Amino acid sequence: MMKMVSEILWNKIGKLTKMDGVLIVLLIIGLVVSVTSLFRGITKSDQVQVEFLEAANTTSSNRDLAGKLVIDVEGAVMTPGVFELSTGSRIKDALITAGGLSEKADRSFCEKNINLAQEIKDGQKIYIPFVSDTPSDRGYVEAKNNTKLVNLNTATMNELDTLWGVGPARAESIVKNRPYASVEEVFSKGGMTKQIFEKNREKLTVY
């Protein structure tokens, strides 16, 4: 049976004209070109997909960097310096990263004035005072002109209430935003309005 089929095919091929042969050759070339184009299209599609995945990975990396904040921890800690923490970290986390309080730290001051649960902001400075930094008369110091300066970092609610324009609610806001690295921070952190700050500037101090 196979032999008969082969003989029939050979007879048909033998009867093909030269024009038929040319058409068959062109048809074969067209098929080769179509297959090659299809293969290149599939390869190009794969390359685009890989590039998209790489871009997605880069975006993920940027999100990771955005979840970091940098702070400065100084004063009576074991290893003062600049540290990188995760967004949402608390002052307690910052002190742990800095090795904890040193033997010379004023622990009594820290317990009364530093809120360990306070969330840290990017670029924030945290200063832990030494025992020698904090005078026995806490809350204010005597100036040469006998004017009592109110220490924003240690003053009691009653002492803050003596300032112009500062009532119980404003005093509570000032305490909540401690510590302050400078008197200007009480304004920038929202503890006082600009007008109230300017009225009390000469009476304010931090240490």
Protein backbone atom coordinates (compact mmCIF):
# COMPACT_ATOMS: atom_id res chain seq x y z
CA MET A 1 0.00 0.00 0.00
CA MET A 2 2.75 2.44 0.99
CA LYS A 3 4.58 1.58 -2.22
CA MET A 4 1.51 2.47 -4.30
CA VAL A 5 1.13 5.81 -2.51
CA SER A 6 4.80 6.63 -3.08
CA GLU A 7 4.53 5.82 -6.79
CA ILE A 8 1.45 8.06 -7.10
CA LEU A 9 3.25 10.98 -5.37
CA TRP A 10 6.32 10.63 -7.54
CA ASN A 11 4.11 10.54 -10.64
CA LYS A 12 2.35 13.74 -9.49
CA ILE A 13 5.64 15.51 -8.78
CA GLY A 14 6.93 14.46 -12.16
CA LYS A 15 3.94 16.11 -13.80
CA LEU A 16 4.51 19.49 -12.06
CA THR A 17 5.48 22.32 -14.38
CA LYS A 18 8.35 24.67 -13.73
CA MET A 19 5.85 27.37 -12.67
CA ASP A 20 4.36 25.02 -10.10
CA GLY A 21 7.82 24.43 -8.68
CA VAL A 22 8.43 28.16 -8.34
CA LEU A 23 5.11 28.60 -6.50
CA ILE A 24 5.96 25.78 -4.09
CA VAL A 25 9.36 27.36 -3.36
CA LEU A 26 7.73 30.76 -2.70
CA LEU A 27 5.16 29.11 -0.44
CA ILE A 28 7.92 27.44 1.59
CA ILE A 29 9.82 30.75 1.90
CA GLY A 30 6.64 32.50 3.08
CA LEU A 31 6.08 29.85 5.76
CA VAL A 32 9.68 30.21 6.98
CA VAL A 33 9.36 34.01 7.19
CA SER A 34 6.04 33.75 9.08
CA VAL A 35 7.42 31.28 11.63
CA THR A 36 10.54 33.44 12.16
CA SER A 37 8.45 36.59 12.71
CA LEU A 38 6.20 34.77 15.17
CA PHE A 39 9.21 33.50 17.13
CA ARG A 40 10.73 37.01 17.32
CA GLY A 41 7.40 38.44 18.53
CA ILE A 42 7.21 35.89 21.35
CA THR A 43 10.81 36.65 22.39
CA LYS A 44 10.18 40.40 22.39
CA SER A 45 7.04 39.92 24.50
CA ASP A 46 9.06 37.96 27.07
CA GLN A 47 11.66 40.74 27.25
CA VAL A 48 9.01 43.39 27.92
CA GLN A 49 7.61 41.30 30.75
CA VAL A 50 11.05 40.97 32.37
CA GLU A 51 11.62 44.73 32.19
CA PHE A 52 8.24 45.33 33.85
CA LEU A 53 9.12 43.02 36.71
CA GLU A 54 12.42 44.82 37.25
CA ALA A 55 10.62 48.16 37.39
CA ALA A 56 8.23 46.73 39.98
CA ASN A 57 11.17 45.60 42.09
CA THR A 58 12.65 49.11 41.93
CA THR A 59 9.37 50.62 43.12
CA SER A 60 9.28 48.16 46.01
CA SER A 61 12.83 49.18 46.96
CA ASN A 62 11.81 52.86 46.99
CA ARG A 63 8.95 52.03 49.32
CA ASP A 64 11.39 50.32 51.69
CA LEU A 65 13.59 53.45 51.75
CA ALA A 66 10.55 55.61 52.40
CA GLY A 67 9.83 53.56 55.52
CA LYS A 68 13.02 54.73 57.26
CA LEU A 69 13.78 57.77 59.40
CA VAL A 70 17.06 59.22 60.68
CA ILE A 71 17.45 60.58 64.23
CA ASP A 72 20.21 62.02 66.42
CA VAL A 73 20.56 60.67 69.97
CA GLU A 74 23.00 62.59 72.18
CA GLY A 75 23.83 63.15 75.83
CA ALA A 76 24.03 60.53 78.55
CA VAL A 77 23.59 57.39 76.46
CA MET A 78 26.04 54.55 75.91
CA THR A 79 26.62 55.17 72.18
CA PRO A 80 25.54 58.68 71.07
CA GLY A 81 25.20 59.27 67.35
CA VAL A 82 22.94 59.31 64.30
CA PHE A 83 20.79 56.22 63.77
CA GLU A 84 18.34 54.89 61.21
CA LEU A 85 15.06 53.47 62.50
CA SER A 86 11.82 52.26 60.97
CA THR A 87 8.92 54.64 60.56
CA GLY A 88 6.64 54.46 63.60
CA SER A 89 9.49 53.89 66.08
CA ARG A 90 9.21 55.35 69.58
CA ILE A 91 11.70 57.19 71.79
CA LYS A 92 12.14 53.93 73.70
CA ASP A 93 13.36 52.27 70.48
CA ALA A 94 15.82 55.12 69.89
CA LEU A 95 17.33 54.76 73.38
CA ILE A 96 17.65 51.00 72.94
CA THR A 97 19.45 51.56 69.62
CA ALA A 98 21.82 54.00 71.37
CA GLY A 99 22.70 51.34 73.96
CA GLY A 100 20.48 52.68 76.74
CA LEU A 101 21.17 55.30 79.40
CA SER A 102 24.69 55.65 80.77
CA GLU A 103 25.54 55.67 84.48
CA LYS A 104 25.76 59.48 84.40
CA ALA A 105 22.25 59.98 83.00
CA ASP A 106 19.73 61.87 85.08
CA ARG A 107 17.19 59.06 85.34
CA SER A 108 14.86 61.04 87.56
CA PHE A 109 14.62 63.75 84.90
CA CYS A 110 13.97 61.17 82.18
CA GLU A 111 11.20 59.46 84.14
CA LYS A 112 9.40 62.77 84.72
CA ASN A 113 9.93 64.54 81.41
CA ILE A 114 10.63 62.10 78.57
CA ASN A 115 7.71 60.20 77.09
CA LEU A 116 9.20 56.87 75.98
CA ALA A 117 6.03 56.07 74.03
CA GLN A 118 6.27 59.22 71.88
CA GLU A 119 6.53 58.49 68.15
CA ILE A 120 9.74 59.73 66.55
CA LYS A 121 9.82 62.08 63.56
CA ASP A 122 12.44 62.02 60.82
CA GLY A 123 15.36 64.32 61.69
CA GLN A 124 14.43 64.52 65.38
CA LYS A 125 17.10 65.09 68.02
CA ILE A 126 16.84 63.35 71.40
CA TYR A 127 19.03 64.63 74.23
CA ILE A 128 19.42 62.77 77.52
CA PRO A 129 20.79 65.11 80.22
CA PHE A 130 23.60 64.19 82.58
CA VAL A 131 23.05 64.52 86.32
CA SER A 132 25.40 67.50 86.27
CA ASP A 133 23.26 69.22 83.59
CA THR A 134 20.08 69.56 85.62
CA PRO A 135 20.11 72.00 88.57
CA SER A 136 18.34 71.15 91.81
CA ASP A 137 15.84 73.95 91.24
CA ARG A 138 14.12 72.26 88.31
CA GLY A 139 11.82 74.01 85.95
CA TYR A 140 13.69 77.34 85.77
CA VAL A 141 17.03 78.96 86.55
CA GLU A 142 17.85 82.33 88.04
CA ALA A 143 19.11 84.92 85.57
CA LYS A 144 21.32 87.86 86.53
CA ASN A 145 18.35 90.21 86.46
CA ASN A 146 16.46 87.87 88.83
CA THR A 147 13.96 86.99 86.10
CA LYS A 148 12.90 83.37 86.38
CA LEU A 149 13.42 81.54 83.10
CA VAL A 150 11.02 78.70 82.40
CA ASN A 151 12.73 75.56 81.16
CA LEU A 152 10.46 74.07 78.51
CA ASN A 153 11.89 70.60 79.08
CA THR A 154 11.39 70.44 82.86
CA ALA A 155 8.78 73.03 83.86
CA THR A 156 5.66 71.84 85.66
CA MET A 157 2.16 72.56 84.39
CA ASN A 158 1.81 75.34 86.99
CA GLU A 159 5.10 76.96 85.92
CA LEU A 160 4.08 76.89 82.25
CA ASP A 161 0.72 78.38 83.23
CA THR A 162 2.53 81.53 84.42
CA LEU A 163 3.57 82.36 80.84
CA TRP A 164 1.61 84.90 78.81
CA GLY A 165 -1.20 83.29 76.82
CA VAL A 166 -0.53 79.80 78.21
CA GLY A 167 -3.39 78.04 79.97
CA PRO A 168 -3.84 74.41 81.09
CA ALA A 169 -4.53 73.14 77.56
CA ARG A 170 -1.53 74.98 76.07
CA ALA A 171 0.71 73.80 78.92
CA GLU A 172 -0.37 70.21 78.31
CA SER A 173 0.51 70.58 74.62
CA ILE A 174 3.98 71.91 75.52
CA VAL A 175 4.63 68.94 77.83
CA LYS A 176 3.38 66.47 75.22
CA ASN A 177 5.86 67.69 72.59
CA ARG A 178 8.98 67.45 74.81
CA PRO A 179 11.93 67.31 74.56
CA TYR A 180 13.00 70.57 72.89
CA ALA A 181 16.51 71.09 71.53
CA SER A 182 15.93 74.86 71.34
CA VAL A 183 13.27 77.31 72.53
CA GLU A 184 12.18 77.81 68.91
CA GLU A 185 11.03 74.18 68.73
CA VAL A 186 8.11 74.92 71.08
CA PHE A 187 6.72 77.01 68.21
CA SER A 188 7.68 74.67 65.36
CA LYS A 189 6.21 71.65 67.20
CA GLY A 190 2.92 73.43 67.81
CA GLY A 191 3.22 73.99 71.55
CA MET A 192 2.75 77.74 71.11
CA THR A 193 1.47 80.05 68.42
CA LYS A 194 3.94 82.52 66.95
CA GLN A 195 2.38 85.40 68.86
CA ILE A 196 2.54 83.60 72.21
CA PHE A 197 6.10 82.48 71.54
CA GLU A 198 7.28 86.01 70.73
CA LYS A 199 5.64 87.36 73.89
CA ASN A 200 7.44 84.79 76.06
CA ARG A 201 10.73 84.37 74.16
CA GLU A 202 12.85 86.16 76.80
CA LYS A 203 11.44 83.98 79.58
CA LEU A 204 12.10 80.64 77.89
CA THR A 205 15.10 78.35 78.08
CA VAL A 206 16.00 74.70 77.49
CA TYR A 207 18.75 72.46 78.89
